[in-house]
Amino acid sequence: MKYEDHFKLSNEKRDTYWKSIGELFSDVAGNLINPSFLGGPRWPSLRQAHIGIKTANGTVIATDGLSDPYDDFDTNEENQGYNGIGIELYAITDNIYTDIQQVIDSWEFSILKQVSNMAAFNPNISYTLNDYTYISSTINGNGLPEIFLGENGEVGVLLGLKNNEISDKIALSIEEISLVSVVVLTKNELDHIMKNGADGRKEIADKLIEKGYYKLSKNRESVI
């Protein structure tokens, strides 16, 4: 198959999966001007989109394009074995949004969009997740409660928590990709990770899973 065939089939497979989770909004969150033209991260097929899925108990917000085939697929053999960077990011929220504009205006979207740009800047992120299971980083925490914020208004994020609502992996046109969750960390949780490295990150992840804190929420207690 050529690039266009893989592109179409991969999109269809992603949509089919998300429709099995809930009601996939017909519109997507995109950009009038592609950020890669302005110095931003370049997504595999240039297309940078986010989608919303309304579920019975809330909303799932997800990236849509990090696992597109590379747009040089037909001419670059090195990229012919990959669905982009091999992941799509998502966040689950208890807030129920009814259309994509409500998603765009949400604090959850702001978090996920920042993390998706971070992921696009790091095309080897899937290998890092395979090696370490979890990744932590910091982004702008504007609008979050003080319990989550560092001295400069940053907030910690943790990637890779597993849950029973979303599959860990789905098969696309070229390969199987990972669906990677995003949650925010309290200041104490982030400090613990910064002090203890990979062991601290796993400890926090285990405690979050034990408490059922796998959703993107700003209304929870710290686990440490």
C-alpha atoms as a PDB file:
ATOM      1  CA  MET A   1       0.000   0.000   0.000  1.00  0.00           C
ATOM      2  CA  LYS A   2       1.007   3.570  -0.602  1.00  0.00           C
ATOM      3  CA  TYR A   3       1.066   6.414   1.924  1.00  0.00           C
ATOM      4  CA  GLU A   4      -2.477   7.579   1.201  1.00  0.00           C
ATOM      5  CA  ASP A   5      -3.832   4.058   1.728  1.00  0.00           C
ATOM      6  CA  HIS A   6      -2.043   3.659   5.066  1.00  0.00           C
ATOM      7  CA  PHE A   7      -3.116   7.142   6.130  1.00  0.00           C
ATOM      8  CA  LYS A   8      -6.788   6.446   5.390  1.00  0.00           C
ATOM      9  CA  LEU A   9      -6.804   2.976   6.949  1.00  0.00           C
ATOM     10  CA  SER A  10      -4.993   4.087  10.105  1.00  0.00           C
ATOM     11  CA  ASN A  11      -7.510   6.885  10.609  1.00  0.00           C
ATOM     12  CA  GLU A  12     -10.405   4.491  10.080  1.00  0.00           C
ATOM     13  CA  LYS A  13      -9.005   2.025  12.611  1.00  0.00           C
ATOM     14  CA  ARG A  14      -8.492   4.728  15.235  1.00  0.00           C
ATOM     15  CA  ASP A  15     -12.001   6.085  14.688  1.00  0.00           C
ATOM     16  CA  THR A  16     -13.488   2.600  14.918  1.00  0.00           C
ATOM     17  CA  TYR A  17     -11.783   2.028  18.244  1.00  0.00           C
ATOM     18  CA  TRP A  18     -12.871   5.348  19.750  1.00  0.00           C
ATOM     19  CA  LYS A  19     -16.448   4.776  18.571  1.00  0.00           C
ATOM     20  CA  SER A  20     -16.408   1.540  20.546  1.00  0.00           C
ATOM     21  CA  ILE A  21     -15.667   3.629  23.661  1.00  0.00           C
ATOM     22  CA  GLY A  22     -18.359   6.275  23.216  1.00  0.00           C
ATOM     23  CA  GLU A  23     -19.760   8.976  20.954  1.00  0.00           C
ATOM     24  CA  LEU A  24     -16.954  10.400  18.813  1.00  0.00           C
ATOM     25  CA  PHE A  25     -17.539  14.093  18.096  1.00  0.00           C
ATOM     26  CA  SER A  26     -17.743  14.731  14.356  1.00  0.00           C
ATOM     27  CA  ASP A  27     -15.453  17.778  14.511  1.00  0.00           C
ATOM     28  CA  VAL A  28     -11.805  17.781  15.600  1.00  0.00           C
ATOM     29  CA  ALA A  29      -9.672  20.388  17.322  1.00  0.00           C
ATOM     30  CA  GLY A  30      -7.112  21.578  14.788  1.00  0.00           C
ATOM     31  CA  ASN A  31      -5.138  24.696  13.886  1.00  0.00           C
ATOM     32  CA  LEU A  32      -5.798  27.379  11.296  1.00  0.00           C
ATOM     33  CA  ILE A  33      -2.044  27.563  10.716  1.00  0.00           C
ATOM     34  CA  ASN A  34      -0.006  24.433  11.312  1.00  0.00           C
ATOM     35  CA  PRO A  35       2.287  25.129  14.310  1.00  0.00           C
ATOM     36  CA  SER A  36       5.158  23.284  12.613  1.00  0.00           C
ATOM     37  CA  PHE A  37       5.310  26.138  10.092  1.00  0.00           C
ATOM     38  CA  LEU A  38       5.904  28.530  13.003  1.00  0.00           C
ATOM     39  CA  GLY A  39       8.686  26.602  14.685  1.00  0.00           C
ATOM     40  CA  GLY A  40       6.492  24.167  16.581  1.00  0.00           C
ATOM     41  CA  PRO A  41       6.856  20.370  16.623  1.00  0.00           C
ATOM     42  CA  ARG A  42       6.259  18.482  13.395  1.00  0.00           C
ATOM     43  CA  TRP A  43       3.739  15.656  13.584  1.00  0.00           C
ATOM     44  CA  PRO A  44       4.299  12.612  11.318  1.00  0.00           C
ATOM     45  CA  SER A  45       1.818  13.628   8.606  1.00  0.00           C
ATOM     46  CA  LEU A  46       1.857  17.326   9.553  1.00  0.00           C
ATOM     47  CA  ARG A  47      -1.798  16.949  10.631  1.00  0.00           C
ATOM     48  CA  GLN A  48      -2.129  17.996  14.279  1.00  0.00           C
ATOM     49  CA  ALA A  49      -5.530  17.193  15.729  1.00  0.00           C
ATOM     50  CA  HIS A  50      -7.315  16.334  18.956  1.00  0.00           C
ATOM     51  CA  ILE A  51     -10.648  14.584  19.324  1.00  0.00           C
ATOM     52  CA  GLY A  52     -13.324  14.176  21.961  1.00  0.00           C
ATOM     53  CA  ILE A  53     -15.334  11.092  22.854  1.00  0.00           C
ATOM     54  CA  LYS A  54     -18.419  11.421  25.038  1.00  0.00           C
ATOM     55  CA  THR A  55     -18.847   8.416  27.316  1.00  0.00           C
ATOM     56  CA  ALA A  56     -21.520   7.390  29.780  1.00  0.00           C
ATOM     57  CA  ASN A  57     -19.523   8.825  32.689  1.00  0.00           C
ATOM     58  CA  GLY A  58     -17.516  11.677  31.198  1.00  0.00           C
ATOM     59  CA  THR A  59     -15.294  12.526  28.253  1.00  0.00           C
ATOM     60  CA  VAL A  60     -12.122  11.164  26.704  1.00  0.00           C
ATOM     61  CA  ILE A  61      -9.859  13.692  24.988  1.00  0.00           C
ATOM     62  CA  ALA A  62      -7.195  12.260  22.701  1.00  0.00           C
ATOM     63  CA  THR A  63      -4.551  13.208  20.191  1.00  0.00           C
ATOM     64  CA  ASP A  64      -5.267  12.229  16.601  1.00  0.00           C
ATOM     65  CA  GLY A  65      -2.243  12.199  14.336  1.00  0.00           C
ATOM     66  CA  LEU A  66       0.820  11.201  16.353  1.00  0.00           C
ATOM     67  CA  SER A  67       0.371   7.702  14.918  1.00  0.00           C
ATOM     68  CA  ASP A  68      -0.290   8.781  11.336  1.00  0.00           C
ATOM     69  CA  PRO A  69       2.180   7.229   8.870  1.00  0.00           C
ATOM     70  CA  TYR A  70       5.051   9.543   8.004  1.00  0.00           C
ATOM     71  CA  ASP A  71       4.262  11.708   5.018  1.00  0.00           C
ATOM     72  CA  ASP A  72       7.489  10.625   3.296  1.00  0.00           C
ATOM     73  CA  PHE A  73       6.405   6.979   3.519  1.00  0.00           C
ATOM     74  CA  ASP A  74       6.540   6.408  -0.243  1.00  0.00           C
ATOM     75  CA  THR A  75      10.117   7.671  -0.608  1.00  0.00           C
ATOM     76  CA  ASN A  76      11.783   6.926   2.731  1.00  0.00           C
ATOM     77  CA  GLU A  77      12.203   3.231   3.487  1.00  0.00           C
ATOM     78  CA  GLU A  78      13.303   3.990   7.051  1.00  0.00           C
ATOM     79  CA  ASN A  79       9.815   5.262   7.878  1.00  0.00           C
ATOM     80  CA  GLN A  80       7.835   2.501   6.182  1.00  0.00           C
ATOM     81  CA  GLY A  81       7.668   0.322   9.290  1.00  0.00           C
ATOM     82  CA  TYR A  82       6.088   2.886  11.588  1.00  0.00           C
ATOM     83  CA  ASN A  83       2.768   4.453  12.382  1.00  0.00           C
ATOM     84  CA  GLY A  84       4.314   7.778  13.284  1.00  0.00           C
ATOM     85  CA  ILE A  85       5.842   7.887  16.757  1.00  0.00           C
ATOM     86  CA  GLY A  86       3.826   4.849  17.789  1.00  0.00           C
ATOM     87  CA  ILE A  87       1.492   6.409  20.333  1.00  0.00           C
ATOM     88  CA  GLU A  88      -1.641   8.482  20.798  1.00  0.00           C
ATOM     89  CA  LEU A  89      -2.141  10.330  24.073  1.00  0.00           C
ATOM     90  CA  TYR A  90      -5.436  10.577  25.906  1.00  0.00           C
ATOM     91  CA  ALA A  91      -6.976  11.855  29.111  1.00  0.00           C
ATOM     92  CA  ILE A  92     -10.181  10.755  30.824  1.00  0.00           C
ATOM     93  CA  THR A  93     -12.262  13.335  32.679  1.00  0.00           C
ATOM     94  CA  ASP A  94     -15.490  13.068  34.655  1.00  0.00           C
ATOM     95  CA  ASN A  95     -16.630  16.317  33.028  1.00  0.00           C
ATOM     96  CA  ILE A  96     -19.194  15.682  30.311  1.00  0.00           C
ATOM     97  CA  TYR A  97     -18.622  17.794  27.205  1.00  0.00           C
ATOM     98  CA  THR A  98     -21.152  17.753  24.392  1.00  0.00           C
ATOM     99  CA  ASP A  99     -19.123  19.105  21.473  1.00  0.00           C
ATOM    100  CA  ILE A 100     -15.552  19.778  20.405  1.00  0.00           C
ATOM    101  CA  GLN A 101     -15.711  23.492  21.258  1.00  0.00           C
ATOM    102  CA  GLN A 102     -16.402  22.669  24.897  1.00  0.00           C
ATOM    103  CA  VAL A 103     -13.404  20.361  24.780  1.00  0.00           C
ATOM    104  CA  ILE A 104     -11.200  23.101  23.291  1.00  0.00           C
ATOM    105  CA  ASP A 105     -12.271  25.505  26.039  1.00  0.00           C
ATOM    106  CA  SER A 106     -11.539  23.007  28.820  1.00  0.00           C
ATOM    107  CA  TRP A 107      -8.565  22.937  31.176  1.00  0.00           C
ATOM    108  CA  GLU A 108      -8.091  19.267  30.305  1.00  0.00           C
ATOM    109  CA  PHE A 109      -7.511  20.135  26.651  1.00  0.00           C
ATOM    110  CA  SER A 110      -4.880  22.698  27.642  1.00  0.00           C
ATOM    111  CA  ILE A 111      -3.005  20.002  29.556  1.00  0.00           C
ATOM    112  CA  LEU A 112      -3.237  17.393  26.802  1.00  0.00           C
ATOM    113  CA  LYS A 113      -2.250  19.797  24.044  1.00  0.00           C
ATOM    114  CA  GLN A 114       0.909  20.796  25.896  1.00  0.00           C
ATOM    115  CA  VAL A 115       1.832  17.159  26.488  1.00  0.00           C
ATOM    116  CA  SER A 116       1.126  16.242  22.860  1.00  0.00           C
ATOM    117  CA  ASN A 117       3.521  18.947  21.669  1.00  0.00           C
ATOM    118  CA  MET A 118       6.115  17.622  24.103  1.00  0.00           C
ATOM    119  CA  ALA A 119       5.636  14.124  22.692  1.00  0.00           C
ATOM    120  CA  ALA A 120       5.925  15.345  19.105  1.00  0.00           C
ATOM    121  CA  PHE A 121       9.266  16.950  19.992  1.00  0.00           C
ATOM    122  CA  ASN A 122      10.441  13.523  21.237  1.00  0.00           C
ATOM    123  CA  PRO A 123       9.799  10.953  18.470  1.00  0.00           C
ATOM    124  CA  ASN A 124      11.481   8.206  20.527  1.00  0.00           C
ATOM    125  CA  ILE A 125       8.958   8.559  23.343  1.00  0.00           C
ATOM    126  CA  SER A 126       7.429   5.127  22.662  1.00  0.00           C
ATOM    127  CA  TYR A 127      10.814   3.489  23.264  1.00  0.00           C
ATOM    128  CA  THR A 128      11.227   5.416  26.514  1.00  0.00           C
ATOM    129  CA  LEU A 129       7.804   4.223  27.662  1.00  0.00           C
ATOM    130  CA  ASN A 130       8.715   0.650  26.767  1.00  0.00           C
ATOM    131  CA  ASP A 131      11.893   0.926  28.826  1.00  0.00           C
ATOM    132  CA  TYR A 132      10.515   2.766  31.854  1.00  0.00           C
ATOM    133  CA  THR A 133       6.701   2.194  31.707  1.00  0.00           C
ATOM    134  CA  TYR A 134       6.060   5.741  32.962  1.00  0.00           C
ATOM    135  CA  ILE A 135       7.306   9.188  31.963  1.00  0.00           C
ATOM    136  CA  SER A 136       7.022  12.330  34.059  1.00  0.00           C
ATOM    137  CA  SER A 137       7.588  15.939  33.037  1.00  0.00           C
ATOM    138  CA  THR A 138       6.355  19.465  33.750  1.00  0.00           C
ATOM    139  CA  ILE A 139       4.160  21.854  31.790  1.00  0.00           C
ATOM    140  CA  ASN A 140       2.337  25.132  32.422  1.00  0.00           C
ATOM    141  CA  GLY A 141      -0.245  24.590  35.167  1.00  0.00           C
ATOM    142  CA  ASN A 142      -2.283  27.742  34.582  1.00  0.00           C
ATOM    143  CA  GLY A 143      -5.740  27.393  36.145  1.00  0.00           C
ATOM    144  CA  LEU A 144      -4.932  24.465  38.424  1.00  0.00           C
ATOM    145  CA  PRO A 145      -5.265  24.584  42.233  1.00  0.00           C
ATOM    146  CA  GLU A 146      -2.215  25.471  44.330  1.00  0.00           C
ATOM    147  CA  ILE A 147      -1.771  21.872  45.503  1.00  0.00           C
ATOM    148  CA  PHE A 148      -0.641  21.000  41.970  1.00  0.00           C
ATOM    149  CA  LEU A 149       1.599  23.988  41.253  1.00  0.00           C
ATOM    150  CA  GLY A 150       5.324  24.412  41.625  1.00  0.00           C
ATOM    151  CA  GLU A 151       7.093  27.661  42.470  1.00  0.00           C
ATOM    152  CA  ASN A 152       6.933  28.907  38.878  1.00  0.00           C
ATOM    153  CA  GLY A 153       3.361  27.817  38.149  1.00  0.00           C
ATOM    154  CA  GLU A 154       4.405  24.532  36.564  1.00  0.00           C
ATOM    155  CA  VAL A 155       2.549  21.262  37.070  1.00  0.00           C
ATOM    156  CA  GLY A 156       3.858  17.740  36.873  1.00  0.00           C
ATOM    157  CA  VAL A 157       2.344  15.233  34.465  1.00  0.00           C
ATOM    158  CA  LEU A 158       2.637  11.467  34.444  1.00  0.00           C
ATOM    159  CA  LEU A 159       2.270   9.417  31.264  1.00  0.00           C
ATOM    160  CA  GLY A 160       1.458   5.726  31.110  1.00  0.00           C
ATOM    161  CA  LEU A 161      -1.025   4.864  33.868  1.00  0.00           C
ATOM    162  CA  LYS A 162      -3.100   1.829  32.891  1.00  0.00           C
ATOM    163  CA  ASN A 163      -6.853   1.524  33.453  1.00  0.00           C
ATOM    164  CA  ASN A 164      -9.798  -0.675  32.522  1.00  0.00           C
ATOM    165  CA  GLU A 165     -11.556   1.931  30.356  1.00  0.00           C
ATOM    166  CA  ILE A 166      -9.082   2.324  27.491  1.00  0.00           C
ATOM    167  CA  SER A 167      -7.005  -0.364  25.773  1.00  0.00           C
ATOM    168  CA  ASP A 168      -3.232  -0.243  26.139  1.00  0.00           C
ATOM    169  CA  LYS A 169      -2.680  -0.874  22.428  1.00  0.00           C
ATOM    170  CA  ILE A 170      -4.563  -0.907  19.132  1.00  0.00           C
ATOM    171  CA  ALA A 171      -3.498  -2.232  15.720  1.00  0.00           C
ATOM    172  CA  LEU A 172      -3.321   0.311  12.907  1.00  0.00           C
ATOM    173  CA  SER A 173      -2.378  -0.064   9.252  1.00  0.00           C
ATOM    174  CA  ILE A 174       1.361  -0.606   9.728  1.00  0.00           C
ATOM    175  CA  GLU A 175       1.883  -1.573  13.353  1.00  0.00           C
ATOM    176  CA  GLU A 176       0.383  -1.797  16.814  1.00  0.00           C
ATOM    177  CA  ILE A 177       0.514   1.517  18.681  1.00  0.00           C
ATOM    178  CA  SER A 178       0.155   2.413  22.354  1.00  0.00           C
ATOM    179  CA  LEU A 179      -2.635   4.507  23.831  1.00  0.00           C
ATOM    180  CA  VAL A 180      -0.963   6.484  26.620  1.00  0.00           C
ATOM    181  CA  SER A 181      -2.855   8.176  29.433  1.00  0.00           C
ATOM    182  CA  VAL A 182      -1.992  11.570  30.925  1.00  0.00           C
ATOM    183  CA  VAL A 183      -2.646  12.657  34.523  1.00  0.00           C
ATOM    184  CA  VAL A 184      -1.482  15.656  36.535  1.00  0.00           C
ATOM    185  CA  LEU A 185       0.624  15.283  39.664  1.00  0.00           C
ATOM    186  CA  THR A 186       0.384  17.198  42.901  1.00  0.00           C
ATOM    187  CA  LYS A 187       3.438  19.199  43.945  1.00  0.00           C
ATOM    188  CA  ASN A 188       4.291  16.631  46.619  1.00  0.00           C
ATOM    189  CA  GLU A 189       4.056  13.778  44.119  1.00  0.00           C
ATOM    190  CA  LEU A 190       6.290  15.565  41.634  1.00  0.00           C
ATOM    191  CA  ASP A 191       8.797  16.457  44.362  1.00  0.00           C
ATOM    192  CA  HIS A 192       8.927  12.787  45.380  1.00  0.00           C
ATOM    193  CA  ILE A 193       9.661  11.758  41.794  1.00  0.00           C
ATOM    194  CA  MET A 194      12.326  14.440  41.416  1.00  0.00           C
ATOM    195  CA  LYS A 195      14.067  13.195  44.555  1.00  0.00           C
ATOM    196  CA  ASN A 196      13.780   9.466  43.856  1.00  0.00           C
ATOM    197  CA  GLY A 197      13.918   9.147  40.070  1.00  0.00           C
ATOM    198  CA  ALA A 198      12.498   6.056  38.388  1.00  0.00           C
ATOM    199  CA  ASP A 199      11.792   4.326  41.702  1.00  0.00           C
ATOM    200  CA  GLY A 200       9.826   7.329  42.927  1.00  0.00           C
ATOM    201  CA  ARG A 201       7.932   7.532  39.656  1.00  0.00           C
ATOM    202  CA  LYS A 202       6.882   3.878  39.930  1.00  0.00           C
ATOM    203  CA  GLU A 203       5.922   4.338  43.576  1.00  0.00           C
ATOM    204  CA  ILE A 204       3.677   7.291  42.735  1.00  0.00           C
ATOM    205  CA  ALA A 205       2.178   5.444  39.765  1.00  0.00           C
ATOM    206  CA  ASP A 206       1.393   2.412  41.931  1.00  0.00           C
ATOM    207  CA  LYS A 207      -0.287   4.610  44.547  1.00  0.00           C
ATOM    208  CA  LEU A 208      -2.340   6.442  41.897  1.00  0.00           C
ATOM    209  CA  ILE A 209      -3.525   3.134  40.447  1.00  0.00           C
ATOM    210  CA  GLU A 210      -4.326   1.813  43.930  1.00  0.00           C
ATOM    211  CA  LYS A 211      -6.463   4.900  44.619  1.00  0.00           C
ATOM    212  CA  GLY A 212      -8.100   4.785  41.190  1.00  0.00           C
ATOM    213  CA  TYR A 213      -6.643   8.192  40.277  1.00  0.00           C
ATOM    214  CA  TYR A 214      -6.126   7.469  36.589  1.00  0.00           C
ATOM    215  CA  LYS A 215      -8.283  10.348  35.362  1.00  0.00           C
ATOM    216  CA  LEU A 216      -7.207  13.899  34.635  1.00  0.00           C
ATOM    217  CA  SER A 217      -8.548  15.542  37.773  1.00  0.00           C
ATOM    218  CA  LYS A 218      -7.771  18.625  39.813  1.00  0.00           C
ATOM    219  CA  ASN A 219     -10.062  17.560  42.658  1.00  0.00           C
ATOM    220  CA  ARG A 220      -8.155  14.786  44.375  1.00  0.00           C
ATOM    221  CA  GLU A 221      -5.883  14.344  47.347  1.00  0.00           C
ATOM    222  CA  SER A 222      -2.154  13.792  47.034  1.00  0.00           C
ATOM    223  CA  VAL A 223      -1.060  10.171  47.410  1.00  0.00           C
ATOM    224  CA  ILE A 224       2.051  11.219  49.302  1.00  0.00           C
END
